[in-house]
Amino acid sequence: MVDVQNTPAVPPTDYGGDERAGYLFAGGTMILLGWGVGVALNLVLHHMAPAGGLTVAGIWFGRTVGTYAWAAAAFGFVTGAVGVGLLAVGRATPKGRLVLPGSDY
């Protein structure tokens, strides 16, 4: 007799793939977008703007750095910091085989 309350509907499977690849890719992407775009590009565009302002991709950048620009820079800084945390988790995770999702091996 089998107790169905303690039996999973689908048995758990461990594919043995390398989850570090996801951590490293996500961490690198978050650092690039957070510190590269959110902080560096944001503040550089404000610094380079002429007296009348500068429009890039429909967004107006003035000479002064306002509340929205500081909020975007702070959000970018936090995003980059989370990316560093993901890189640390990825480096601490045991290495496995790198396989494409959904492939049998």
C-alpha atoms as a PDB file:
ATOM      1  CA  MET A   1       0.000   0.000   0.000  1.00  0.00           C
ATOM      2  CA  VAL A   2       1.310   3.448  -0.972  1.00  0.00           C
ATOM      3  CA  ASP A   3       0.491   6.619   0.934  1.00  0.00           C
ATOM      4  CA  VAL A   4      -0.363   9.100  -1.840  1.00  0.00           C
ATOM      5  CA  GLN A   5      -0.083  12.067   0.522  1.00  0.00           C
ATOM      6  CA  ASN A   6       3.686  11.598   0.807  1.00  0.00           C
ATOM      7  CA  THR A   7       4.369  10.664  -2.829  1.00  0.00           C
ATOM      8  CA  PRO A   8       5.128  13.464  -5.310  1.00  0.00           C
ATOM      9  CA  ALA A   9       3.127  13.446  -8.538  1.00  0.00           C
ATOM     10  CA  VAL A  10       6.348  13.704 -10.528  1.00  0.00           C
ATOM     11  CA  PRO A  11       9.531  12.284  -9.066  1.00  0.00           C
ATOM     12  CA  PRO A  12      12.226  14.940  -8.565  1.00  0.00           C
ATOM     13  CA  THR A  13      15.041  14.828 -11.071  1.00  0.00           C
ATOM     14  CA  ASP A  14      18.506  16.245 -10.833  1.00  0.00           C
ATOM     15  CA  TYR A  15      19.835  16.930 -14.286  1.00  0.00           C
ATOM     16  CA  GLY A  16      23.314  17.720 -13.041  1.00  0.00           C
ATOM     17  CA  GLY A  17      23.672  20.905 -15.066  1.00  0.00           C
ATOM     18  CA  ASP A  18      25.815  23.873 -14.131  1.00  0.00           C
ATOM     19  CA  GLU A  19      23.630  26.448 -12.397  1.00  0.00           C
ATOM     20  CA  ARG A  20      26.677  28.680 -12.013  1.00  0.00           C
ATOM     21  CA  ALA A  21      26.309  29.794 -15.626  1.00  0.00           C
ATOM     22  CA  GLY A  22      22.963  31.446 -14.829  1.00  0.00           C
ATOM     23  CA  TYR A  23      24.325  33.170 -11.738  1.00  0.00           C
ATOM     24  CA  LEU A  24      27.385  34.462 -13.580  1.00  0.00           C
ATOM     25  CA  PHE A  25      25.402  35.644 -16.613  1.00  0.00           C
ATOM     26  CA  ALA A  26      22.726  37.328 -14.490  1.00  0.00           C
ATOM     27  CA  GLY A  27      25.327  38.943 -12.222  1.00  0.00           C
ATOM     28  CA  GLY A  28      27.341  40.267 -15.142  1.00  0.00           C
ATOM     29  CA  THR A  29      24.233  41.604 -16.856  1.00  0.00           C
ATOM     30  CA  MET A  30      23.055  43.343 -13.686  1.00  0.00           C
ATOM     31  CA  ILE A  31      26.476  44.934 -13.166  1.00  0.00           C
ATOM     32  CA  LEU A  32      26.587  46.113 -16.790  1.00  0.00           C
ATOM     33  CA  LEU A  33      23.083  47.569 -16.710  1.00  0.00           C
ATOM     34  CA  GLY A  34      23.227  48.880 -13.153  1.00  0.00           C
ATOM     35  CA  TRP A  35      26.654  50.436 -12.934  1.00  0.00           C
ATOM     36  CA  GLY A  36      27.177  50.961 -16.668  1.00  0.00           C
ATOM     37  CA  VAL A  37      23.831  52.410 -17.712  1.00  0.00           C
ATOM     38  CA  GLY A  38      22.160  53.389 -14.460  1.00  0.00           C
ATOM     39  CA  VAL A  39      25.131  55.150 -12.919  1.00  0.00           C
ATOM     40  CA  ALA A  40      27.883  55.901 -15.431  1.00  0.00           C
ATOM     41  CA  LEU A  41      25.885  56.665 -18.590  1.00  0.00           C
ATOM     42  CA  ASN A  42      23.230  58.571 -16.651  1.00  0.00           C
ATOM     43  CA  LEU A  43      25.698  60.858 -14.900  1.00  0.00           C
ATOM     44  CA  VAL A  44      27.950  61.246 -17.970  1.00  0.00           C
ATOM     45  CA  LEU A  45      25.010  62.355 -20.133  1.00  0.00           C
ATOM     46  CA  HIS A  46      24.022  64.925 -17.517  1.00  0.00           C
ATOM     47  CA  HIS A  47      27.605  66.158 -17.302  1.00  0.00           C
ATOM     48  CA  MET A  48      27.984  66.398 -21.106  1.00  0.00           C
ATOM     49  CA  ALA A  49      24.652  68.146 -21.691  1.00  0.00           C
ATOM     50  CA  PRO A  50      24.898  71.695 -23.048  1.00  0.00           C
ATOM     51  CA  ALA A  51      23.195  74.632 -21.329  1.00  0.00           C
ATOM     52  CA  GLY A  52      19.947  74.045 -23.253  1.00  0.00           C
ATOM     53  CA  GLY A  53      19.833  70.346 -22.508  1.00  0.00           C
ATOM     54  CA  LEU A  54      20.276  67.205 -24.576  1.00  0.00           C
ATOM     55  CA  THR A  55      17.664  64.738 -25.836  1.00  0.00           C
ATOM     56  CA  VAL A  56      18.746  61.100 -26.188  1.00  0.00           C
ATOM     57  CA  ALA A  57      16.184  58.484 -27.272  1.00  0.00           C
ATOM     58  CA  GLY A  58      13.323  60.772 -26.253  1.00  0.00           C
ATOM     59  CA  ILE A  59      14.736  61.455 -22.781  1.00  0.00           C
ATOM     60  CA  TRP A  60      15.811  64.986 -21.954  1.00  0.00           C
ATOM     61  CA  PHE A  61      19.056  65.419 -20.011  1.00  0.00           C
ATOM     62  CA  GLY A  62      19.744  68.805 -18.476  1.00  0.00           C
ATOM     63  CA  ARG A  63      22.908  70.275 -17.059  1.00  0.00           C
ATOM     64  CA  THR A  64      21.732  69.808 -13.472  1.00  0.00           C
ATOM     65  CA  VAL A  65      21.265  66.392 -11.936  1.00  0.00           C
ATOM     66  CA  GLY A  66      17.763  66.322 -10.501  1.00  0.00           C
ATOM     67  CA  THR A  67      15.854  63.990  -8.227  1.00  0.00           C
ATOM     68  CA  TYR A  68      14.988  61.521 -10.985  1.00  0.00           C
ATOM     69  CA  ALA A  69      18.610  61.271 -12.122  1.00  0.00           C
ATOM     70  CA  TRP A  70      19.825  60.655  -8.559  1.00  0.00           C
ATOM     71  CA  ALA A  71      17.093  58.039  -8.065  1.00  0.00           C
ATOM     72  CA  ALA A  72      18.096  56.307 -11.317  1.00  0.00           C
ATOM     73  CA  ALA A  73      21.750  56.363 -10.230  1.00  0.00           C
ATOM     74  CA  ALA A  74      20.852  54.939  -6.804  1.00  0.00           C
ATOM     75  CA  PHE A  75      18.742  52.204  -8.417  1.00  0.00           C
ATOM     76  CA  GLY A  76      21.619  51.418 -10.786  1.00  0.00           C
ATOM     77  CA  PHE A  77      24.062  51.253  -7.880  1.00  0.00           C
ATOM     78  CA  VAL A  78      21.817  48.807  -5.995  1.00  0.00           C
ATOM     79  CA  THR A  79      21.301  46.737  -9.150  1.00  0.00           C
ATOM     80  CA  GLY A  80      25.061  46.489  -9.642  1.00  0.00           C
ATOM     81  CA  ALA A  81      25.524  45.508  -5.989  1.00  0.00           C
ATOM     82  CA  VAL A  82      22.972  42.697  -6.381  1.00  0.00           C
ATOM     83  CA  GLY A  83      24.915  41.626  -9.487  1.00  0.00           C
ATOM     84  CA  VAL A  84      28.096  41.402  -7.406  1.00  0.00           C
ATOM     85  CA  GLY A  85      26.171  39.242  -4.938  1.00  0.00           C
ATOM     86  CA  LEU A  86      25.038  36.939  -7.753  1.00  0.00           C
ATOM     87  CA  LEU A  87      28.628  36.624  -8.962  1.00  0.00           C
ATOM     88  CA  ALA A  88      29.689  35.685  -5.428  1.00  0.00           C
ATOM     89  CA  VAL A  89      26.949  33.032  -5.223  1.00  0.00           C
ATOM     90  CA  GLY A  90      27.931  31.733  -8.656  1.00  0.00           C
ATOM     91  CA  ARG A  91      31.578  31.390  -7.640  1.00  0.00           C
ATOM     92  CA  ALA A  92      30.637  29.603  -4.399  1.00  0.00           C
ATOM     93  CA  THR A  93      28.313  27.113  -6.144  1.00  0.00           C
ATOM     94  CA  PRO A  94      29.865  23.739  -7.046  1.00  0.00           C
ATOM     95  CA  LYS A  95      30.735  23.377 -10.702  1.00  0.00           C
ATOM     96  CA  GLY A  96      28.663  21.100 -12.905  1.00  0.00           C
ATOM     97  CA  ARG A  97      28.490  20.298 -16.599  1.00  0.00           C
ATOM     98  CA  LEU A  98      27.414  23.187 -18.788  1.00  0.00           C
ATOM     99  CA  VAL A  99      24.481  22.038 -20.931  1.00  0.00           C
ATOM    100  CA  LEU A 100      21.768  23.818 -22.850  1.00  0.00           C
ATOM    101  CA  PRO A 101      18.357  23.912 -21.116  1.00  0.00           C
ATOM    102  CA  GLY A 102      16.063  21.110 -22.197  1.00  0.00           C
ATOM    103  CA  SER A 103      18.795  18.907 -23.669  1.00  0.00           C
ATOM    104  CA  ASP A 104      19.263  15.290 -22.599  1.00  0.00           C
ATOM    105  CA  TYR A 105      22.710  14.254 -21.490  1.00  0.00           C
END
